[in-house]
N, C-alpha and C. Protein backbone atom coordinates (compact mmCIF):
# COMPACT_ATOMS: atom_id res chain seq x y z
N MET A 1 -187.31 128.40 9.90
CA MET A 1 -187.18 129.32 9.35
C MET A 1 -185.90 129.94 9.59
N LEU A 2 -184.95 130.39 8.48
CA LEU A 2 -183.57 130.65 8.49
C LEU A 2 -183.54 132.25 8.96
N ARG A 3 -182.57 132.55 9.71
CA ARG A 3 -182.22 134.02 10.10
C ARG A 3 -181.26 134.59 9.04
N HIS A 4 -181.35 135.85 8.67
CA HIS A 4 -180.54 136.56 7.93
C HIS A 4 -179.07 136.34 8.45
N SER A 5 -178.86 136.25 9.65
CA SER A 5 -177.53 135.95 10.17
C SER A 5 -177.15 134.70 9.73
N GLU A 6 -177.82 133.85 9.36
CA GLU A 6 -177.36 132.31 9.32
C GLU A 6 -176.94 132.24 7.68
N THR A 7 -177.29 133.16 6.70
CA THR A 7 -176.88 133.25 5.52
C THR A 7 -175.46 133.60 5.32
N LYS A 8 -174.80 132.73 4.49
CA LYS A 8 -173.37 133.03 4.29
C LYS A 8 -173.23 134.15 3.15
N ILE A 9 -172.12 134.88 3.53
CA ILE A 9 -171.91 135.97 2.35
C ILE A 9 -170.94 135.33 1.41
N VAL A 10 -171.46 135.53 0.13
CA VAL A 10 -170.60 135.18 -0.90
C VAL A 10 -170.20 136.28 -1.83
N ARG A 11 -169.08 136.53 -1.74
CA ARG A 11 -168.33 137.69 -2.61
C ARG A 11 -168.15 137.20 -4.03
N HIS A 12 -168.42 137.90 -5.07
CA HIS A 12 -168.15 137.53 -6.49
C HIS A 12 -167.00 138.72 -7.01
N THR A 13 -166.33 138.22 -7.91
CA THR A 13 -165.30 138.86 -8.48
C THR A 13 -165.97 139.43 -9.87
N LYS A 14 -165.77 140.77 -10.10
CA LYS A 14 -166.42 141.12 -11.24
C LYS A 14 -165.44 140.99 -12.37
N VAL A 15 -166.10 140.77 -13.83
CA VAL A 15 -165.33 140.42 -15.04
C VAL A 15 -164.74 141.77 -15.25
N ARG A 16 -163.57 141.60 -15.78
CA ARG A 16 -162.70 142.68 -16.26
C ARG A 16 -163.54 143.34 -17.52
N GLY A 17 -163.50 144.74 -17.59
CA GLY A 17 -164.36 145.44 -18.44
C GLY A 17 -164.22 145.23 -19.99
N ASN A 18 -162.77 144.81 -20.44
CA ASN A 18 -162.50 144.42 -21.72
C ASN A 18 -162.75 142.93 -22.09
N LYS A 19 -163.26 142.18 -21.19
CA LYS A 19 -163.42 140.69 -21.41
C LYS A 19 -164.78 140.20 -21.62
N PHE A 20 -164.86 139.16 -22.52
CA PHE A 20 -166.05 138.47 -22.76
C PHE A 20 -165.65 136.94 -23.01
N PRO A 21 -166.67 136.17 -22.77
CA PRO A 21 -166.48 134.62 -22.72
C PRO A 21 -165.76 134.08 -24.08
N TYR A 22 -165.91 134.69 -25.27
CA TYR A 22 -165.40 134.10 -26.57
C TYR A 22 -164.22 135.04 -27.10
N ASP A 23 -163.59 135.68 -26.18
CA ASP A 23 -162.33 136.41 -26.67
C ASP A 23 -161.23 135.68 -26.89
N GLY A 24 -161.15 134.17 -26.45
CA GLY A 24 -160.03 133.42 -26.67
C GLY A 24 -158.97 133.44 -25.47
N ASP A 25 -159.51 134.13 -24.58
CA ASP A 25 -158.41 134.08 -23.39
C ASP A 25 -158.89 132.82 -22.48
N LEU A 26 -158.29 131.72 -22.70
CA LEU A 26 -158.64 130.65 -21.97
C LEU A 26 -158.03 130.65 -20.56
N VAL A 27 -156.82 131.25 -20.25
CA VAL A 27 -156.14 131.40 -18.91
C VAL A 27 -157.24 132.23 -18.12
N TYR A 28 -157.53 133.32 -18.48
CA TYR A 28 -158.56 134.24 -17.80
C TYR A 28 -159.94 133.43 -17.31
N TRP A 29 -160.54 132.88 -18.27
CA TRP A 29 -161.86 132.15 -18.03
C TRP A 29 -161.66 130.91 -17.42
N SER A 30 -160.50 130.28 -17.47
CA SER A 30 -160.42 128.90 -16.65
C SER A 30 -159.96 129.20 -15.14
N THR A 31 -159.35 130.26 -15.05
CA THR A 31 -159.03 130.70 -13.56
C THR A 31 -160.27 131.07 -12.80
N ARG A 32 -161.23 131.60 -13.56
CA ARG A 32 -162.56 131.96 -13.25
C ARG A 32 -163.45 130.97 -13.01
N GLY A 33 -163.28 129.74 -13.48
CA GLY A 33 -164.03 128.64 -13.37
C GLY A 33 -165.18 128.69 -14.33
N ALA A 34 -165.09 129.35 -15.43
CA ALA A 34 -166.26 129.67 -16.33
C ALA A 34 -166.35 128.19 -17.20
N LYS A 35 -167.92 128.02 -17.53
CA LYS A 35 -168.07 126.61 -18.15
C LYS A 35 -168.29 127.12 -19.42
N LEU A 36 -167.39 126.90 -20.47
CA LEU A 36 -167.63 127.51 -21.96
C LEU A 36 -167.51 126.32 -22.90
N PRO A 37 -168.50 126.33 -23.79
CA PRO A 37 -168.46 125.18 -24.81
C PRO A 37 -167.16 125.37 -25.83
N GLY A 38 -166.54 124.08 -26.09
CA GLY A 38 -165.54 124.15 -26.88
C GLY A 38 -164.29 124.27 -26.22
N ILE A 39 -164.17 124.19 -25.04
CA ILE A 39 -162.76 124.27 -24.14
C ILE A 39 -162.72 122.78 -23.71
N ASN A 40 -161.82 122.23 -23.80
CA ASN A 40 -161.54 120.86 -23.23
C ASN A 40 -161.39 120.97 -21.54
N THR A 41 -162.02 120.00 -20.98
CA THR A 41 -162.08 120.07 -19.62
C THR A 41 -160.93 120.03 -18.98
N ARG A 42 -159.96 119.08 -19.38
CA ARG A 42 -158.62 118.79 -19.10
C ARG A 42 -157.82 120.07 -19.02
N VAL A 43 -157.85 120.85 -20.18
CA VAL A 43 -157.02 122.10 -20.37
C VAL A 43 -157.54 122.98 -19.27
N LYS A 44 -158.96 123.18 -19.10
CA LYS A 44 -159.48 124.15 -18.12
C LYS A 44 -159.03 123.73 -16.70
N ASN A 45 -159.10 122.63 -16.47
CA ASN A 45 -158.81 122.23 -14.98
C ASN A 45 -157.17 122.29 -14.65
N LEU A 46 -156.42 122.00 -15.67
CA LEU A 46 -155.03 122.02 -15.35
C LEU A 46 -154.70 123.73 -15.61
N LEU A 47 -155.13 124.31 -16.46
CA LEU A 47 -154.82 126.04 -16.21
C LEU A 47 -155.15 126.42 -14.85
N LYS A 48 -156.21 125.88 -14.34
CA LYS A 48 -156.62 126.61 -13.05
C LYS A 48 -155.63 125.94 -11.86
N LYS A 49 -155.48 124.72 -11.98
CA LYS A 49 -154.60 123.90 -10.98
C LYS A 49 -153.17 124.72 -10.95
N GLN A 50 -152.65 125.16 -12.24
CA GLN A 50 -151.31 125.72 -12.25
C GLN A 50 -151.36 127.21 -12.35
N HIS A 51 -152.32 127.65 -12.10
CA HIS A 51 -152.58 129.08 -12.03
C HIS A 51 -152.30 129.89 -13.26
N GLY A 52 -152.23 129.32 -14.35
CA GLY A 52 -151.90 129.83 -15.74
C GLY A 52 -150.61 129.86 -15.98
N VAL A 53 -149.62 129.11 -15.24
CA VAL A 53 -148.32 129.31 -15.37
C VAL A 53 -147.52 127.82 -16.00
N CYS A 54 -146.66 127.84 -16.99
CA CYS A 54 -146.10 126.76 -17.38
C CYS A 54 -144.90 126.16 -16.40
N PRO A 55 -145.03 124.99 -15.88
CA PRO A 55 -144.03 124.48 -15.00
C PRO A 55 -142.59 124.46 -15.48
N VAL A 56 -142.40 124.28 -16.77
CA VAL A 56 -141.22 124.09 -17.33
C VAL A 56 -140.30 125.58 -17.38
N CYS A 57 -141.05 126.55 -17.93
CA CYS A 57 -140.37 127.92 -18.25
C CYS A 57 -140.69 128.78 -17.22
N LYS A 58 -141.74 128.55 -16.51
CA LYS A 58 -142.35 129.36 -15.33
C LYS A 58 -142.85 130.58 -16.01
N GLN A 59 -143.18 130.59 -17.21
CA GLN A 59 -143.92 131.92 -17.72
C GLN A 59 -145.54 131.57 -17.69
N HIS A 60 -146.24 132.76 -17.76
CA HIS A 60 -147.68 132.87 -17.85
C HIS A 60 -148.00 132.30 -19.17
N PHE A 61 -149.19 131.72 -19.55
CA PHE A 61 -149.64 131.09 -20.65
C PHE A 61 -150.44 132.48 -21.26
N LEU A 62 -150.09 132.74 -22.33
CA LEU A 62 -150.86 134.06 -23.02
C LEU A 62 -152.06 133.46 -24.03
N PRO A 63 -153.07 134.18 -24.29
CA PRO A 63 -154.11 133.67 -24.88
C PRO A 63 -153.79 133.04 -26.58
N ASP A 64 -152.59 133.59 -27.03
CA ASP A 64 -152.11 132.99 -28.36
C ASP A 64 -151.11 131.87 -28.20
N ASP A 65 -150.92 131.34 -26.94
CA ASP A 65 -150.00 130.34 -26.94
C ASP A 65 -150.50 129.13 -27.39
N LEU A 66 -149.62 128.25 -27.91
CA LEU A 66 -150.03 126.80 -28.15
C LEU A 66 -149.80 125.94 -26.93
N MET A 67 -150.78 125.30 -26.42
CA MET A 67 -150.60 124.59 -25.19
C MET A 67 -150.75 123.09 -25.54
N GLU A 68 -149.99 121.97 -24.69
CA GLU A 68 -150.25 120.77 -24.86
C GLU A 68 -150.41 120.14 -23.23
N ILE A 69 -151.20 118.96 -23.27
CA ILE A 69 -150.97 118.26 -22.19
C ILE A 69 -150.17 117.36 -21.99
N ASP A 70 -149.38 117.36 -21.04
CA ASP A 70 -148.05 116.24 -21.01
C ASP A 70 -148.22 115.52 -19.73
N HIS A 71 -147.80 114.32 -19.67
CA HIS A 71 -147.45 113.22 -18.78
C HIS A 71 -146.14 113.59 -17.94
N ILE A 72 -146.25 113.85 -16.69
CA ILE A 72 -145.08 113.95 -15.97
C ILE A 72 -144.25 112.84 -16.07
N ILE A 73 -144.87 111.75 -15.55
CA ILE A 73 -143.99 110.62 -16.00
C ILE A 73 -144.62 110.01 -17.22
N PRO A 74 -143.85 109.87 -18.33
CA PRO A 74 -144.43 109.35 -19.55
C PRO A 74 -144.98 107.95 -19.51
N THR A 75 -146.13 107.94 -20.13
CA THR A 75 -146.98 106.43 -20.20
C THR A 75 -145.72 105.44 -20.55
N SER A 76 -145.02 105.68 -21.46
CA SER A 76 -143.85 104.82 -22.00
C SER A 76 -143.03 104.15 -20.81
N LEU A 77 -143.09 105.06 -19.79
CA LEU A 77 -142.18 104.51 -18.64
C LEU A 77 -143.05 104.17 -17.35
N GLY A 78 -144.29 104.08 -17.56
CA GLY A 78 -144.91 103.59 -16.52
C GLY A 78 -146.05 104.39 -15.79
N GLY A 79 -145.93 105.80 -16.27
CA GLY A 79 -146.89 106.64 -15.83
C GLY A 79 -148.34 106.65 -16.19
N LYS A 80 -149.13 107.09 -15.28
CA LYS A 80 -150.72 106.68 -15.54
C LYS A 80 -151.40 107.98 -16.10
N ASP A 81 -152.58 107.62 -16.62
CA ASP A 81 -153.22 108.72 -17.18
C ASP A 81 -154.27 109.43 -16.27
N TRP A 82 -153.70 109.91 -15.16
CA TRP A 82 -154.36 110.57 -13.94
C TRP A 82 -154.07 112.04 -14.03
N TYR A 83 -154.93 112.97 -13.22
CA TYR A 83 -154.84 114.37 -13.26
C TYR A 83 -153.51 114.69 -12.31
N ASN A 84 -153.14 113.68 -11.41
CA ASN A 84 -151.95 114.16 -10.68
C ASN A 84 -150.62 113.94 -11.64
N ASN A 85 -150.86 112.96 -12.64
CA ASN A 85 -149.59 112.88 -13.62
C ASN A 85 -149.62 113.81 -14.92
N LEU A 86 -150.55 114.87 -15.01
CA LEU A 86 -150.80 115.53 -16.01
C LEU A 86 -150.23 116.86 -15.90
N GLN A 87 -149.83 117.70 -16.78
CA GLN A 87 -149.33 119.09 -16.76
C GLN A 87 -149.68 119.75 -18.08
N LEU A 88 -149.99 121.27 -17.95
CA LEU A 88 -150.21 121.74 -19.26
C LEU A 88 -148.92 122.51 -19.64
N LEU A 89 -148.45 122.54 -20.70
CA LEU A 89 -146.94 122.93 -20.93
C LEU A 89 -147.23 123.95 -22.46
N HIS A 90 -146.36 124.87 -22.71
CA HIS A 90 -146.19 125.21 -24.01
C HIS A 90 -145.75 124.30 -24.98
N ARG A 91 -146.05 124.47 -26.22
CA ARG A 91 -145.76 123.35 -27.01
C ARG A 91 -144.11 123.22 -27.13
N HIS A 92 -143.51 124.21 -27.29
CA HIS A 92 -141.98 124.27 -27.25
C HIS A 92 -141.51 123.65 -25.98
N CYS A 93 -142.14 123.96 -24.74
CA CYS A 93 -141.60 123.46 -23.50
C CYS A 93 -141.96 122.05 -23.60
N HIS A 94 -142.93 121.52 -24.10
CA HIS A 94 -143.30 119.98 -24.12
C HIS A 94 -142.45 119.25 -25.02
N ASP A 95 -141.91 119.96 -26.11
CA ASP A 95 -140.96 119.18 -26.91
C ASP A 95 -139.76 119.01 -26.15
N PHE A 96 -139.21 120.24 -25.41
CA PHE A 96 -138.01 120.05 -24.74
C PHE A 96 -138.12 119.19 -23.70
N LYS A 97 -139.13 119.02 -23.00
CA LYS A 97 -139.24 118.11 -21.97
C LYS A 97 -139.25 116.72 -22.17
N THR A 98 -139.94 116.30 -23.32
CA THR A 98 -139.99 114.94 -24.06
C THR A 98 -138.69 114.62 -24.60
N THR A 99 -137.73 115.36 -24.87
CA THR A 99 -136.59 114.93 -25.41
C THR A 99 -135.72 114.64 -24.22
N ARG A 100 -135.92 115.50 -23.08
CA ARG A 100 -135.03 115.37 -21.73
C ARG A 100 -135.35 114.33 -21.09
N ASP A 101 -136.76 113.64 -20.94
CA ASP A 101 -137.11 112.68 -19.97
C ASP A 101 -136.84 111.35 -20.71
N GLY A 102 -136.30 111.28 -22.07
CA GLY A 102 -135.98 109.89 -22.53
C GLY A 102 -137.25 109.29 -23.25
N SER A 103 -138.38 109.71 -23.26
CA SER A 103 -139.40 108.93 -23.73
C SER A 103 -139.32 108.80 -25.17
N VAL A 104 -138.84 109.82 -25.90
CA VAL A 104 -138.40 109.73 -27.33
C VAL A 104 -137.48 108.78 -27.87
N SER A 105 -136.65 108.23 -27.06
CA SER A 105 -135.58 107.38 -27.39
C SER A 105 -136.24 105.93 -27.29
N LEU A 106 -137.37 105.82 -26.67
CA LEU A 106 -138.15 104.58 -26.55
C LEU A 106 -138.76 104.05 -27.47
N LEU A 107 -139.24 105.13 -28.73
CA LEU A 107 -140.22 104.80 -29.67
C LEU A 107 -139.21 103.80 -30.58
N ASN A 108 -140.04 102.96 -31.31
CA ASN A 108 -139.29 102.05 -31.98
C ASN A 108 -139.06 102.67 -33.63
N VAL A 109 -138.22 102.27 -34.37
CA VAL A 109 -137.90 102.92 -35.73
C VAL A 109 -139.09 102.52 -36.63
N GLU A 110 -139.95 101.51 -36.52
CA GLU A 110 -141.14 101.24 -36.97
C GLU A 110 -142.26 102.36 -37.02
N ASP A 111 -142.19 102.96 -35.70
CA ASP A 111 -143.24 103.84 -35.33
C ASP A 111 -142.94 105.17 -36.12
N THR A 112 -141.94 105.56 -36.38
CA THR A 112 -141.63 106.79 -37.00
C THR A 112 -142.07 106.99 -38.50
N PRO A 113 -142.69 108.04 -38.90
CA PRO A 113 -143.34 108.40 -40.19
C PRO A 113 -142.38 108.33 -41.12
N PHE A 114 -141.03 108.49 -41.11
CA PHE A 114 -140.12 108.66 -42.16
C PHE A 114 -139.91 107.35 -43.13
């Protein structure tokens, strides 16, 4: 038989008054650990891991921001598709980082759609 003193106390954080699960605020619900249908699991886990901050520009993600999953070490340079090699970036930060890390110059001319 368990005693009341052996029961661990778990505190829960209240949901903000103006929030509901389908309001589009992925950052808020990912940091809370909510399981919502339609949200990519990788995006949710990366938002939680990064505390809702883009590593390139150091700005918080907003609900309307376009986010992309990026390989820290590009797969074209030998990077793996593991969580410790992934990060979530704004779309414009992802474009900037991709041109800076040299993975764009490794593409063949035949691969371009032009």
